[in-house]
N, C-alpha and C. Protein backbone atom coordinates (compact mmCIF):
# COMPACT_ATOMS: atom_id res chain seq x y z
N MET A 1 -100.46 -69.95 58.44
CA MET A 1 -99.87 -71.39 58.03
C MET A 1 -98.41 -71.53 58.40
N LYS A 2 -98.09 -72.58 58.92
CA LYS A 2 -96.76 -72.85 59.04
C LYS A 2 -95.85 -72.98 57.98
N LYS A 3 -94.68 -72.13 57.90
CA LYS A 3 -93.82 -72.24 56.61
C LYS A 3 -92.84 -73.39 56.73
N ASN A 4 -92.89 -74.07 55.69
CA ASN A 4 -91.83 -75.13 55.66
C ASN A 4 -90.52 -74.66 55.04
N TYR A 5 -89.44 -75.46 55.42
CA TYR A 5 -88.10 -75.17 55.05
C TYR A 5 -88.05 -75.22 53.33
N VAL A 6 -87.52 -74.23 52.88
CA VAL A 6 -87.27 -74.08 51.39
C VAL A 6 -85.88 -73.65 51.08
N SER A 7 -85.16 -74.22 50.39
CA SER A 7 -83.82 -73.74 49.80
C SER A 7 -84.01 -73.44 48.30
N ASN A 8 -83.71 -72.13 48.07
CA ASN A 8 -83.95 -71.59 46.71
C ASN A 8 -82.63 -71.76 45.90
N SER A 9 -81.49 -72.19 46.52
CA SER A 9 -80.24 -72.36 45.77
C SER A 9 -80.30 -73.67 44.96
N GLN A 10 -79.33 -73.96 44.17
CA GLN A 10 -79.02 -75.03 43.40
C GLN A 10 -78.74 -76.38 44.20
N GLU A 11 -78.44 -76.08 45.49
CA GLU A 11 -77.94 -77.14 46.27
C GLU A 11 -78.86 -78.41 46.32
N SER A 12 -78.24 -79.54 46.64
CA SER A 12 -78.98 -80.78 46.88
C SER A 12 -78.78 -81.24 48.30
N VAL A 13 -79.57 -82.28 48.74
CA VAL A 13 -79.38 -82.86 49.98
C VAL A 13 -79.20 -84.39 49.83
N ARG A 14 -78.28 -84.92 50.47
CA ARG A 14 -78.15 -86.38 50.56
C ARG A 14 -79.28 -87.07 51.32
N MET A 15 -80.09 -88.02 50.60
CA MET A 15 -81.06 -88.94 51.11
C MET A 15 -80.86 -90.26 51.66
N PHE A 16 -79.61 -90.84 51.18
CA PHE A 16 -79.37 -92.26 51.51
C PHE A 16 -77.90 -92.24 51.85
N LYS A 17 -77.76 -93.27 52.81
CA LYS A 17 -76.41 -93.45 53.09
C LYS A 17 -75.62 -94.43 51.94
N SER A 18 -76.40 -95.21 51.31
CA SER A 18 -75.77 -95.97 50.21
C SER A 18 -75.49 -95.05 48.95
N ASP A 19 -74.29 -95.10 48.34
CA ASP A 19 -74.08 -94.24 47.16
C ASP A 19 -75.01 -94.67 45.97
N LEU A 20 -75.12 -96.15 45.96
CA LEU A 20 -75.97 -96.61 44.77
C LEU A 20 -77.32 -95.89 44.72
N PHE A 21 -78.07 -95.99 45.96
CA PHE A 21 -79.38 -95.48 46.15
C PHE A 21 -79.38 -93.92 45.94
N GLU A 22 -78.46 -93.33 46.45
CA GLU A 22 -78.26 -91.88 46.13
C GLU A 22 -78.12 -91.51 44.78
N ASN A 23 -77.32 -92.15 43.98
CA ASN A 23 -77.31 -91.85 42.49
C ASN A 23 -78.47 -92.28 41.86
N LEU A 24 -79.21 -93.33 42.26
CA LEU A 24 -80.44 -93.70 41.70
C LEU A 24 -81.53 -92.51 41.92
N SER A 25 -81.34 -91.71 42.89
CA SER A 25 -82.47 -90.91 43.19
C SER A 25 -82.28 -89.59 42.52
N LYS A 26 -81.25 -89.36 41.66
CA LYS A 26 -80.94 -88.13 40.89
C LYS A 26 -81.06 -88.58 39.41
N VAL A 27 -81.43 -87.64 38.52
CA VAL A 27 -81.45 -88.08 37.20
C VAL A 27 -81.63 -86.72 36.21
N HIS A 28 -80.86 -86.53 35.15
CA HIS A 28 -80.86 -85.52 34.27
C HIS A 28 -82.28 -85.43 33.65
N PHE A 29 -82.73 -84.31 33.37
CA PHE A 29 -84.18 -84.09 32.91
C PHE A 29 -84.46 -84.74 31.41
N THR A 30 -83.52 -84.99 30.75
CA THR A 30 -83.74 -85.58 29.41
C THR A 30 -83.81 -87.06 29.49
N VAL A 31 -83.49 -87.70 30.55
CA VAL A 31 -83.49 -89.17 30.51
C VAL A 31 -84.75 -89.77 30.40
N PRO A 32 -85.95 -89.29 30.97
CA PRO A 32 -87.19 -89.96 30.40
C PRO A 32 -87.40 -89.92 28.98
N LEU A 33 -86.91 -88.91 28.23
CA LEU A 33 -87.23 -88.79 26.78
C LEU A 33 -86.49 -90.06 26.16
N PHE A 34 -85.31 -90.31 26.55
CA PHE A 34 -84.58 -91.42 26.08
C PHE A 34 -85.18 -92.84 26.33
N ILE A 35 -86.00 -92.94 27.47
CA ILE A 35 -86.54 -94.13 27.93
C ILE A 35 -87.87 -94.28 27.18
N PHE A 36 -88.68 -93.12 27.20
CA PHE A 36 -90.15 -93.45 26.94
C PHE A 36 -90.52 -93.03 25.52
N VAL A 37 -89.74 -92.22 24.83
CA VAL A 37 -90.17 -91.90 23.36
C VAL A 37 -90.08 -93.13 22.59
N PRO A 38 -89.02 -94.04 22.67
CA PRO A 38 -89.10 -95.22 21.98
C PRO A 38 -90.26 -96.16 22.37
N VAL A 39 -90.78 -96.03 23.52
CA VAL A 39 -91.94 -96.73 23.91
C VAL A 39 -93.23 -96.33 23.11
N ILE A 40 -93.27 -94.95 23.02
CA ILE A 40 -94.31 -94.32 22.16
C ILE A 40 -94.37 -94.76 20.74
N ILE A 41 -93.07 -94.69 20.23
CA ILE A 41 -92.81 -95.08 18.91
C ILE A 41 -93.21 -96.61 18.58
N PHE A 42 -92.82 -97.47 19.47
CA PHE A 42 -93.10 -98.84 19.47
C PHE A 42 -94.60 -99.10 19.48
N CYS A 43 -95.29 -98.55 20.40
CA CYS A 43 -96.68 -98.83 20.51
C CYS A 43 -97.46 -98.23 19.38
N ALA A 44 -97.06 -97.15 19.01
CA ALA A 44 -97.71 -96.45 17.70
C ALA A 44 -97.55 -97.35 16.42
N TYR A 45 -96.29 -97.87 16.32
CA TYR A 45 -96.06 -98.64 15.17
C TYR A 45 -96.94 -99.93 15.15
N LYS A 46 -96.97 -100.58 16.32
CA LYS A 46 -97.79 -101.76 16.59
C LYS A 46 -99.18 -101.55 16.21
N ALA A 47 -99.72 -100.40 16.82
CA ALA A 47 -101.05 -100.14 16.61
C ALA A 47 -101.42 -99.87 15.15
N LEU A 48 -100.62 -99.14 14.40
CA LEU A 48 -100.93 -98.66 13.12
C LEU A 48 -100.49 -99.83 11.99
N PHE A 49 -99.51 -100.51 12.14
CA PHE A 49 -98.88 -101.41 11.18
C PHE A 49 -98.90 -102.84 11.41
N GLN A 50 -98.91 -103.26 12.62
CA GLN A 50 -98.90 -104.73 12.93
C GLN A 50 -100.25 -105.34 13.31
N ILE A 51 -101.10 -104.40 14.08
CA ILE A 51 -102.32 -105.15 14.42
C ILE A 51 -103.44 -105.22 13.47
N PRO A 52 -103.64 -104.13 12.52
CA PRO A 52 -103.69 -102.59 13.14
C PRO A 52 -105.00 -102.43 13.59
N ILE A 53 -105.18 -101.30 14.44
CA ILE A 53 -106.54 -100.95 15.04
C ILE A 53 -107.17 -99.86 14.12
N GLY A 54 -106.48 -99.22 13.16
CA GLY A 54 -107.19 -98.29 12.44
C GLY A 54 -106.78 -96.72 12.94
N ILE A 55 -106.39 -95.78 11.99
CA ILE A 55 -106.03 -94.52 12.26
C ILE A 55 -107.00 -93.84 13.11
N VAL A 56 -108.24 -93.95 12.83
CA VAL A 56 -109.27 -93.09 13.55
C VAL A 56 -109.20 -93.61 15.10
N THR A 57 -109.29 -94.92 15.20
CA THR A 57 -109.38 -95.56 16.55
C THR A 57 -108.13 -95.13 17.29
N PHE A 58 -106.89 -95.26 16.61
CA PHE A 58 -105.59 -94.96 17.26
C PHE A 58 -105.60 -93.53 17.82
N ILE A 59 -106.07 -92.61 16.92
CA ILE A 59 -106.22 -91.13 17.36
C ILE A 59 -107.15 -90.87 18.55
N GLU A 60 -108.20 -91.61 18.51
CA GLU A 60 -109.16 -91.55 19.63
C GLU A 60 -108.67 -92.03 20.94
N LEU A 61 -108.05 -93.19 20.99
CA LEU A 61 -107.36 -93.87 21.99
C LEU A 61 -106.14 -92.99 22.55
N PHE A 62 -105.43 -92.55 21.59
CA PHE A 62 -104.20 -91.62 21.89
C PHE A 62 -104.63 -90.43 22.79
N PHE A 63 -105.57 -89.59 22.35
CA PHE A 63 -106.09 -88.52 23.17
C PHE A 63 -106.83 -88.84 24.51
N LEU A 64 -107.56 -89.99 24.36
CA LEU A 64 -108.04 -90.39 25.64
C LEU A 64 -106.86 -90.69 26.70
N GLY A 65 -105.79 -91.32 26.22
CA GLY A 65 -104.75 -91.69 26.99
C GLY A 65 -104.16 -90.56 27.61
N LEU A 66 -103.98 -89.44 26.79
CA LEU A 66 -103.43 -88.13 27.19
C LEU A 66 -104.28 -87.55 28.19
N PHE A 67 -105.60 -87.60 27.92
CA PHE A 67 -106.47 -87.01 28.94
C PHE A 67 -106.49 -87.69 30.20
N VAL A 68 -106.54 -89.02 30.22
CA VAL A 68 -106.48 -89.79 31.49
C VAL A 68 -105.11 -89.55 32.11
N TRP A 69 -103.98 -89.35 31.59
CA TRP A 69 -102.95 -88.89 32.30
C TRP A 69 -103.13 -87.75 33.21
N THR A 70 -103.76 -86.67 32.55
CA THR A 70 -103.85 -85.57 33.51
C THR A 70 -104.68 -85.72 34.89
N PHE A 71 -105.53 -86.73 34.70
CA PHE A 71 -106.25 -87.13 35.97
C PHE A 71 -105.43 -87.90 36.97
N VAL A 72 -104.64 -88.83 36.32
CA VAL A 72 -103.65 -89.60 37.15
C VAL A 72 -102.67 -88.74 37.74
N GLU A 73 -102.05 -87.79 36.95
CA GLU A 73 -101.25 -86.85 37.55
C GLU A 73 -101.66 -86.22 38.73
N TYR A 74 -102.97 -85.67 38.76
CA TYR A 74 -103.51 -84.92 39.78
C TYR A 74 -103.69 -85.92 40.99
N ILE A 75 -104.26 -87.02 40.69
CA ILE A 75 -104.55 -88.03 41.82
C ILE A 75 -103.16 -88.41 42.53
N MET A 76 -102.14 -88.69 41.70
CA MET A 76 -100.96 -89.24 42.27
C MET A 76 -100.38 -88.13 43.25
N HIS A 77 -100.20 -86.78 42.60
CA HIS A 77 -99.54 -85.74 43.24
C HIS A 77 -100.45 -85.51 44.51
N ARG A 78 -101.70 -85.40 44.53
CA ARG A 78 -102.56 -85.05 45.64
C ARG A 78 -102.58 -86.00 46.75
N PHE A 79 -102.77 -87.38 46.34
CA PHE A 79 -103.09 -88.38 47.58
C PHE A 79 -101.88 -89.34 47.59
N VAL A 80 -100.95 -89.30 46.74
CA VAL A 80 -99.71 -90.25 46.88
C VAL A 80 -98.41 -89.55 47.39
N PHE A 81 -98.20 -88.30 46.54
CA PHE A 81 -96.97 -87.76 46.87
C PHE A 81 -97.21 -86.77 47.93
N HIS A 82 -98.41 -86.40 48.41
CA HIS A 82 -98.68 -85.55 49.58
C HIS A 82 -99.37 -86.24 50.74
N TYR A 83 -99.19 -87.64 50.74
CA TYR A 83 -99.53 -88.45 51.72
C TYR A 83 -98.46 -88.37 52.85
N MET A 84 -98.80 -87.66 54.06
CA MET A 84 -97.85 -87.45 55.00
C MET A 84 -98.45 -87.40 56.35
N PRO A 85 -99.00 -88.55 56.71
CA PRO A 85 -99.60 -88.53 58.27
C PRO A 85 -98.47 -88.41 59.19
N PRO A 86 -98.61 -87.37 60.14
CA PRO A 86 -97.60 -87.13 61.12
C PRO A 86 -97.25 -88.23 62.09
N ASP A 87 -98.34 -89.20 62.23
CA ASP A 87 -98.15 -90.17 63.16
C ASP A 87 -97.56 -91.44 62.68
N LYS A 88 -97.30 -91.42 61.51
CA LYS A 88 -96.59 -92.51 60.75
C LYS A 88 -95.35 -92.25 60.23
N PRO A 89 -94.28 -92.40 61.01
CA PRO A 89 -92.92 -92.25 60.44
C PRO A 89 -92.49 -92.64 59.29
N TRP A 90 -92.82 -93.94 58.95
CA TRP A 90 -92.39 -94.62 57.71
C TRP A 90 -93.12 -93.93 56.35
N ALA A 91 -94.35 -93.28 56.63
CA ALA A 91 -94.97 -92.64 55.63
C ALA A 91 -94.34 -91.22 55.35
N MET A 92 -93.92 -90.58 56.36
CA MET A 92 -93.29 -89.42 56.33
C MET A 92 -91.90 -89.59 55.69
N ARG A 93 -91.13 -90.63 55.91
CA ARG A 93 -89.92 -90.84 55.27
C ARG A 93 -90.22 -91.00 53.84
N LEU A 94 -91.16 -91.93 53.43
CA LEU A 94 -91.42 -92.02 52.06
C LEU A 94 -91.88 -90.90 51.34
N HIS A 95 -92.69 -90.04 52.09
CA HIS A 95 -92.97 -88.80 51.54
C HIS A 95 -91.85 -87.79 51.14
N PHE A 96 -90.91 -87.84 52.08
CA PHE A 96 -89.72 -87.09 51.81
C PHE A 96 -88.94 -87.56 50.73
N ILE A 97 -88.73 -88.97 50.55
CA ILE A 97 -87.94 -89.49 49.46
C ILE A 97 -88.70 -89.27 48.09
N PHE A 98 -90.03 -89.39 48.04
CA PHE A 98 -90.62 -89.24 46.76
C PHE A 98 -91.00 -87.90 46.38
N HIS A 99 -91.26 -87.04 47.28
CA HIS A 99 -91.58 -85.63 46.94
C HIS A 99 -91.46 -84.57 47.95
N GLY A 100 -91.05 -84.86 49.18
CA GLY A 100 -90.86 -83.72 50.17
C GLY A 100 -89.50 -83.11 49.81
N VAL A 101 -88.69 -83.93 49.40
CA VAL A 101 -87.27 -83.27 49.17
C VAL A 101 -87.36 -82.19 48.09
N HIS A 102 -88.26 -82.39 47.07
CA HIS A 102 -88.46 -81.40 46.04
C HIS A 102 -89.01 -80.18 46.60
N HIS A 103 -90.05 -80.16 47.68
CA HIS A 103 -90.56 -79.00 48.21
C HIS A 103 -89.48 -78.26 49.04
N ASP A 104 -88.50 -79.09 49.71
CA ASP A 104 -87.43 -78.45 50.32
C ASP A 104 -86.42 -77.76 49.46
N TYR A 105 -86.17 -78.55 48.29
CA TYR A 105 -85.14 -78.13 47.55
C TYR A 105 -85.67 -78.02 46.02
N PRO A 106 -86.67 -77.04 45.85
CA PRO A 106 -87.37 -77.08 44.48
C PRO A 106 -86.48 -76.66 43.24
N SER A 107 -85.22 -76.09 43.62
CA SER A 107 -84.25 -75.81 42.27
C SER A 107 -83.22 -76.84 42.14
N ASP A 108 -83.37 -77.95 42.76
CA ASP A 108 -82.52 -79.00 42.58
C ASP A 108 -82.76 -79.67 41.27
N ALA A 109 -81.83 -79.46 40.27
CA ALA A 109 -82.27 -79.86 38.89
C ALA A 109 -82.16 -81.30 38.71
N LYS A 110 -81.56 -82.09 39.58
CA LYS A 110 -81.34 -83.54 39.42
C LYS A 110 -82.57 -84.33 40.08
N ARG A 111 -83.56 -83.46 40.74
CA ARG A 111 -84.65 -84.17 41.37
C ARG A 111 -86.02 -83.53 40.99
N LEU A 112 -86.11 -83.24 39.67
CA LEU A 112 -87.34 -82.57 39.17
C LEU A 112 -88.15 -83.49 38.08
N VAL A 113 -87.64 -84.52 37.79
CA VAL A 113 -88.25 -85.56 36.99
C VAL A 113 -87.98 -86.90 37.72
N LEU A 114 -89.00 -87.84 37.49
CA LEU A 114 -88.93 -89.16 38.11
C LEU A 114 -87.71 -89.99 37.79
N PRO A 115 -87.03 -90.38 38.56
CA PRO A 115 -85.89 -91.36 38.24
C PRO A 115 -86.36 -92.64 37.56
N PRO A 116 -85.67 -93.30 36.70
CA PRO A 116 -86.06 -94.44 35.97
C PRO A 116 -86.43 -95.66 37.10
N SER A 117 -85.76 -95.49 38.19
CA SER A 117 -86.06 -96.57 39.35
C SER A 117 -87.51 -96.44 39.78
N VAL A 118 -88.11 -95.38 39.51
CA VAL A 118 -89.46 -95.16 39.88
C VAL A 118 -90.37 -95.29 38.59
N SER A 119 -89.92 -94.59 37.65
CA SER A 119 -90.83 -94.33 36.48
C SER A 119 -91.01 -95.55 35.63
N ILE A 120 -90.01 -96.36 35.37
CA ILE A 120 -90.12 -97.54 34.70
C ILE A 120 -91.21 -98.64 35.44
N PRO A 121 -90.99 -98.84 36.73
CA PRO A 121 -92.04 -99.78 37.34
C PRO A 121 -93.47 -99.20 37.38
N LEU A 122 -93.56 -97.92 37.59
CA LEU A 122 -94.85 -97.28 37.45
C LEU A 122 -95.48 -97.41 36.03
N ALA A 123 -94.72 -97.12 34.96
CA ALA A 123 -95.30 -97.26 33.63
C ALA A 123 -95.60 -98.80 33.33
N ALA A 124 -94.72 -99.72 33.68
CA ALA A 124 -95.31 -101.20 33.60
C ALA A 124 -96.32 -101.37 34.32
N GLY A 125 -96.65 -100.96 35.55
CA GLY A 125 -97.69 -101.31 36.31
C GLY A 125 -99.04 -100.75 35.54
N PHE A 126 -98.88 -99.35 34.99
CA PHE A 126 -100.04 -98.93 34.33
C PHE A 126 -100.25 -99.75 32.99
N TYR A 127 -99.21 -100.11 32.40
CA TYR A 127 -99.46 -100.77 31.03
C TYR A 127 -100.37 -102.07 31.32
N PHE A 128 -99.98 -102.80 32.18
CA PHE A 128 -100.70 -103.90 32.60
C PHE A 128 -102.11 -103.88 33.04
N LEU A 129 -102.25 -102.68 33.71
CA LEU A 129 -103.56 -102.29 34.19
C LEU A 129 -104.49 -101.91 33.01
N PHE A 130 -103.93 -101.08 32.13
CA PHE A 130 -104.81 -100.67 30.97
C PHE A 130 -104.93 -101.89 29.94
N ASN A 131 -103.99 -102.77 29.88
CA ASN A 131 -104.11 -103.81 28.98
C ASN A 131 -105.21 -104.82 29.48
N ALA A 132 -105.42 -105.00 30.83
CA ALA A 132 -106.31 -105.87 31.37
C ALA A 132 -107.86 -105.21 31.28
N ILE A 133 -107.90 -103.89 31.22
CA ILE A 133 -109.18 -103.34 31.25
C ILE A 133 -109.78 -102.89 29.96
N LEU A 134 -108.93 -102.62 29.03
CA LEU A 134 -109.21 -102.19 27.70
C LEU A 134 -109.43 -103.40 26.78
N PRO A 135 -110.14 -103.11 25.76
CA PRO A 135 -110.43 -104.33 24.70
C PRO A 135 -109.00 -104.62 24.17
N ALA A 136 -108.87 -105.84 23.51
CA ALA A 136 -107.70 -106.44 23.02
C ALA A 136 -107.06 -105.39 22.15
N ASN A 137 -105.77 -105.25 22.25
CA ASN A 137 -104.85 -104.55 21.53
C ASN A 137 -105.19 -102.91 21.56
N TYR A 138 -106.18 -102.55 22.25
CA TYR A 138 -106.44 -101.01 22.39
C TYR A 138 -105.32 -100.48 23.13
N VAL A 139 -104.56 -101.16 24.00
CA VAL A 139 -103.67 -100.53 24.95
C VAL A 139 -102.59 -99.92 24.04
N PHE A 140 -102.34 -100.34 22.76
CA PHE A 140 -101.31 -99.76 21.87
C PHE A 140 -101.60 -98.51 21.27
N GLY A 141 -102.91 -98.11 21.32
CA GLY A 141 -103.36 -96.79 21.03
C GLY A 141 -103.42 -95.82 22.23
N PHE A 142 -103.77 -96.36 23.41
CA PHE A 142 -104.06 -95.74 24.50
C PHE A 142 -102.82 -95.43 25.28
N PHE A 143 -101.79 -96.37 25.33
CA PHE A 143 -100.59 -96.15 26.22
C PHE A 143 -99.71 -95.14 25.72
N PRO A 144 -99.43 -95.10 24.34
CA PRO A 144 -98.63 -93.91 24.04
C PRO A 144 -99.08 -92.50 24.32
N GLY A 145 -100.45 -92.13 24.21
CA GLY A 145 -100.97 -90.92 24.71
C GLY A 145 -100.73 -90.76 26.22
N PHE A 146 -100.89 -91.72 26.89
CA PHE A 146 -100.76 -91.80 28.39
C PHE A 146 -99.32 -91.51 28.72
N ILE A 147 -98.29 -92.24 27.94
CA ILE A 147 -96.95 -91.83 28.15
C ILE A 147 -96.44 -90.51 27.72
N LEU A 148 -97.05 -89.92 26.64
CA LEU A 148 -96.73 -88.67 26.24
C LEU A 148 -97.19 -87.77 27.28
N GLY A 149 -98.44 -87.94 27.81
CA GLY A 149 -98.88 -87.03 29.02
C GLY A 149 -97.91 -87.00 30.11
N TYR A 150 -97.41 -88.17 30.38
CA TYR A 150 -96.33 -88.21 31.52
C TYR A 150 -95.06 -87.40 31.19
N LEU A 151 -94.60 -87.51 29.75
CA LEU A 151 -93.45 -86.85 29.37
C LEU A 151 -93.55 -85.36 29.49
N ILE A 152 -94.94 -84.92 29.06
CA ILE A 152 -95.24 -83.43 29.13
C ILE A 152 -95.02 -83.03 30.52
N TYR A 153 -95.58 -83.77 31.39
CA TYR A 153 -95.58 -83.41 32.86
C TYR A 153 -94.25 -83.34 33.33
N ASP A 154 -93.36 -84.37 33.17
CA ASP A 154 -92.03 -84.41 33.54
C ASP A 154 -91.15 -83.21 33.01
N ILE A 155 -91.12 -83.03 31.73
CA ILE A 155 -90.27 -81.98 31.19
C ILE A 155 -90.84 -80.62 31.52
N SER A 156 -92.20 -80.39 31.47
CA SER A 156 -92.69 -79.24 31.84
C SER A 156 -92.51 -78.57 33.31
N HIS A 157 -92.41 -79.70 34.15
CA HIS A 157 -92.04 -79.58 35.50
C HIS A 157 -90.58 -79.06 35.82
N TYR A 158 -89.75 -79.63 34.94
CA TYR A 158 -88.41 -79.09 35.04
C TYR A 158 -88.42 -77.79 34.46
N ALA A 159 -89.06 -77.50 33.32
CA ALA A 159 -89.05 -76.14 32.68
C ALA A 159 -89.68 -75.04 33.64
N ILE A 160 -90.76 -75.45 34.22
CA ILE A 160 -91.42 -74.42 35.27
C ILE A 160 -90.33 -73.92 36.30
N HIS A 161 -89.57 -74.83 36.71
CA HIS A 161 -88.42 -74.38 37.76
C HIS A 161 -87.37 -73.79 37.25
N HIS A 162 -87.04 -73.78 35.89
CA HIS A 162 -85.83 -73.41 35.47
C HIS A 162 -85.81 -72.44 34.29
N PHE A 163 -87.01 -72.30 33.54
CA PHE A 163 -86.95 -71.51 32.47
C PHE A 163 -87.94 -70.21 32.75
N ASN A 164 -87.77 -69.27 32.15
CA ASN A 164 -88.50 -68.12 32.02
C ASN A 164 -89.41 -67.98 30.75
N PHE A 165 -90.73 -68.18 30.87
CA PHE A 165 -91.67 -68.21 29.84
C PHE A 165 -92.14 -66.85 29.41
N LYS A 166 -92.43 -66.79 28.05
CA LYS A 166 -92.87 -65.56 27.48
C LYS A 166 -94.36 -65.85 27.12
N GLY A 167 -94.83 -66.82 26.84
CA GLY A 167 -96.15 -66.95 26.54
C GLY A 167 -97.19 -66.88 27.62
N ASN A 168 -98.33 -66.40 27.46
CA ASN A 168 -99.25 -66.11 28.62
C ASN A 168 -99.73 -67.62 29.23
N ILE A 169 -100.01 -68.72 28.34
CA ILE A 169 -100.46 -69.89 28.86
C ILE A 169 -99.37 -70.64 29.69
N TRP A 170 -98.12 -70.54 29.44
CA TRP A 170 -97.08 -71.18 30.20
C TRP A 170 -96.65 -70.24 31.35
N LYS A 171 -96.86 -68.95 31.32
CA LYS A 171 -96.75 -68.13 32.54
C LYS A 171 -97.85 -68.65 33.51
N LYS A 172 -99.01 -68.68 33.13
CA LYS A 172 -100.09 -69.26 33.95
C LYS A 172 -99.93 -70.62 34.71
N ILE A 173 -99.32 -71.50 33.88
CA ILE A 173 -99.07 -72.76 34.36
C ILE A 173 -97.94 -72.59 35.34
N LYS A 174 -96.96 -71.89 35.14
CA LYS A 174 -95.90 -71.80 36.08
C LYS A 174 -96.34 -71.01 37.42
N GLN A 175 -97.13 -69.99 37.26
CA GLN A 175 -97.79 -69.28 38.47
C GLN A 175 -98.53 -70.29 39.32
N HIS A 176 -99.41 -71.19 38.70
CA HIS A 176 -100.07 -72.23 39.32
C HIS A 176 -99.11 -73.05 40.23
N HIS A 177 -98.06 -73.57 39.60
CA HIS A 177 -97.24 -74.45 40.30
C HIS A 177 -96.33 -73.66 41.41
N MET A 178 -95.91 -72.40 41.08
CA MET A 178 -95.19 -71.66 42.19
C MET A 178 -96.10 -71.38 43.31
N LEU A 179 -97.41 -71.12 43.10
CA LEU A 179 -98.25 -71.03 44.36
C LEU A 179 -98.29 -72.31 45.15
N HIS A 180 -98.30 -73.48 44.48
CA HIS A 180 -98.28 -74.64 45.20
C HIS A 180 -97.06 -74.87 46.03
N HIS A 181 -95.88 -74.29 45.58
CA HIS A 181 -94.59 -74.50 46.26
C HIS A 181 -94.50 -73.34 47.37
N TYR A 182 -94.98 -72.21 47.06
CA TYR A 182 -94.69 -71.07 48.01
C TYR A 182 -95.76 -70.42 48.71
N GLN A 183 -96.92 -70.92 48.37
CA GLN A 183 -98.15 -70.32 49.08
C GLN A 183 -98.89 -71.25 49.91
N ASP A 184 -99.22 -72.35 49.19
CA ASP A 184 -100.13 -73.45 49.81
C ASP A 184 -99.93 -74.78 49.02
N PRO A 185 -99.00 -75.65 49.66
CA PRO A 185 -98.89 -76.89 49.22
C PRO A 185 -100.06 -77.83 49.24
N GLY A 186 -101.21 -77.39 49.94
CA GLY A 186 -102.51 -78.08 49.98
C GLY A 186 -103.45 -77.72 48.68
N LYS A 187 -102.87 -76.98 47.73
CA LYS A 187 -103.66 -76.55 46.63
C LYS A 187 -102.77 -76.65 45.55
N GLY A 188 -103.30 -76.70 44.24
CA GLY A 188 -102.65 -76.64 43.07
C GLY A 188 -101.88 -77.87 42.74
N TYR A 189 -102.50 -78.94 42.73
CA TYR A 189 -101.90 -80.29 42.42
C TYR A 189 -101.55 -80.59 41.05
N GLY A 190 -102.20 -80.05 40.18
CA GLY A 190 -102.01 -80.20 38.73
C GLY A 190 -100.77 -79.22 38.38
N VAL A 191 -99.79 -80.01 37.66
CA VAL A 191 -98.54 -79.63 37.16
C VAL A 191 -98.70 -79.07 35.67
N SER A 192 -99.03 -79.95 34.80
CA SER A 192 -99.04 -79.73 33.34
C SER A 192 -100.41 -79.21 33.16
N SER A 193 -101.31 -79.26 34.00
CA SER A 193 -102.66 -78.67 33.71
C SER A 193 -103.45 -78.43 34.99
N PRO A 194 -104.14 -77.26 35.11
CA PRO A 194 -104.86 -76.87 36.34
C PRO A 194 -106.43 -77.47 36.38
N LEU A 195 -106.60 -78.24 35.20
CA LEU A 195 -108.04 -78.61 34.90
C LEU A 195 -108.85 -79.26 36.15
N TRP A 196 -107.98 -80.26 36.74
CA TRP A 196 -108.47 -81.20 37.92
C TRP A 196 -108.66 -80.25 39.17
N ASP A 197 -107.83 -79.31 39.40
CA ASP A 197 -107.76 -78.45 40.57
C ASP A 197 -109.20 -77.61 40.45
N LYS A 198 -109.56 -77.23 39.23
CA LYS A 198 -110.70 -76.50 39.13
C LYS A 198 -111.92 -77.45 39.35
N ILE A 199 -111.92 -78.52 38.91
CA ILE A 199 -113.13 -79.56 39.12
C ILE A 199 -113.28 -79.86 40.56
N PHE A 200 -112.09 -80.11 41.15
CA PHE A 200 -112.16 -80.58 42.55
C PHE A 200 -111.94 -79.44 43.52
N ARG A 201 -111.91 -78.30 43.15
CA ARG A 201 -111.84 -77.16 43.96
C ARG A 201 -110.72 -77.11 44.92
N SER A 202 -109.63 -77.44 44.21
CA SER A 202 -108.19 -77.23 44.98
C SER A 202 -107.37 -76.25 44.17
N ASP A 203 -107.99 -75.34 43.53
CA ASP A 203 -107.35 -74.27 42.80
C ASP A 203 -107.10 -73.09 43.64
N PHE A 204 -106.11 -72.17 43.22
CA PHE A 204 -105.97 -70.95 43.94
C PHE A 204 -106.94 -69.92 43.40
N ILE A 205 -107.20 -68.89 44.18
CA ILE A 205 -107.87 -67.78 43.72
C ILE A 205 -106.85 -66.77 43.25
N LYS A 206 -106.56 -66.75 41.89
CA LYS A 206 -105.53 -65.93 41.37
C LYS A 206 -105.96 -64.54 40.90
N LYS A 207 -105.11 -63.67 41.33
CA LYS A 207 -105.38 -62.06 40.99
C LYS A 207 -104.45 -61.82 39.71
């Protein structure tokens, strides 16, 4: 298998000529927490105290949203972030901007979580999608679980690349993602969970 370029230093690479676009492409790993934790709190408050949909329904929808996120994470990582047809230069450029740069510079701390310029439009799009397909007001139970799943994904992704874990579960999650980076980027698309890799047979044979 052809080896791709990988820098294991903390260095970054400039992606845009524009200083504005370059700055928008970098973000501290705590920024998603400041943006989306208030969204979770707002939705939960609305679901439990303003509508309300009931505590049992809320809990069911919350965990359903969390579960659906794991599937969305897998699908986006496999079919969107790794969409790189060599005969389409525009697609290869987009791939590098959204994900390829992370594979080339996996230790770049400022490009390990989605920048707000990407995460906010995506979150808004998913909100309107779920609001359209779920029964009235159920989105306020489902969406906070979905967003919590996203935050777990983002923060765990940063931690996988920069923290040393003691627990066996986190060690296995880190191993799974490191194999994706350093052994075969065509496998191991689940970051916060290897569940869908096992279901869709894109998992590694781990010894």
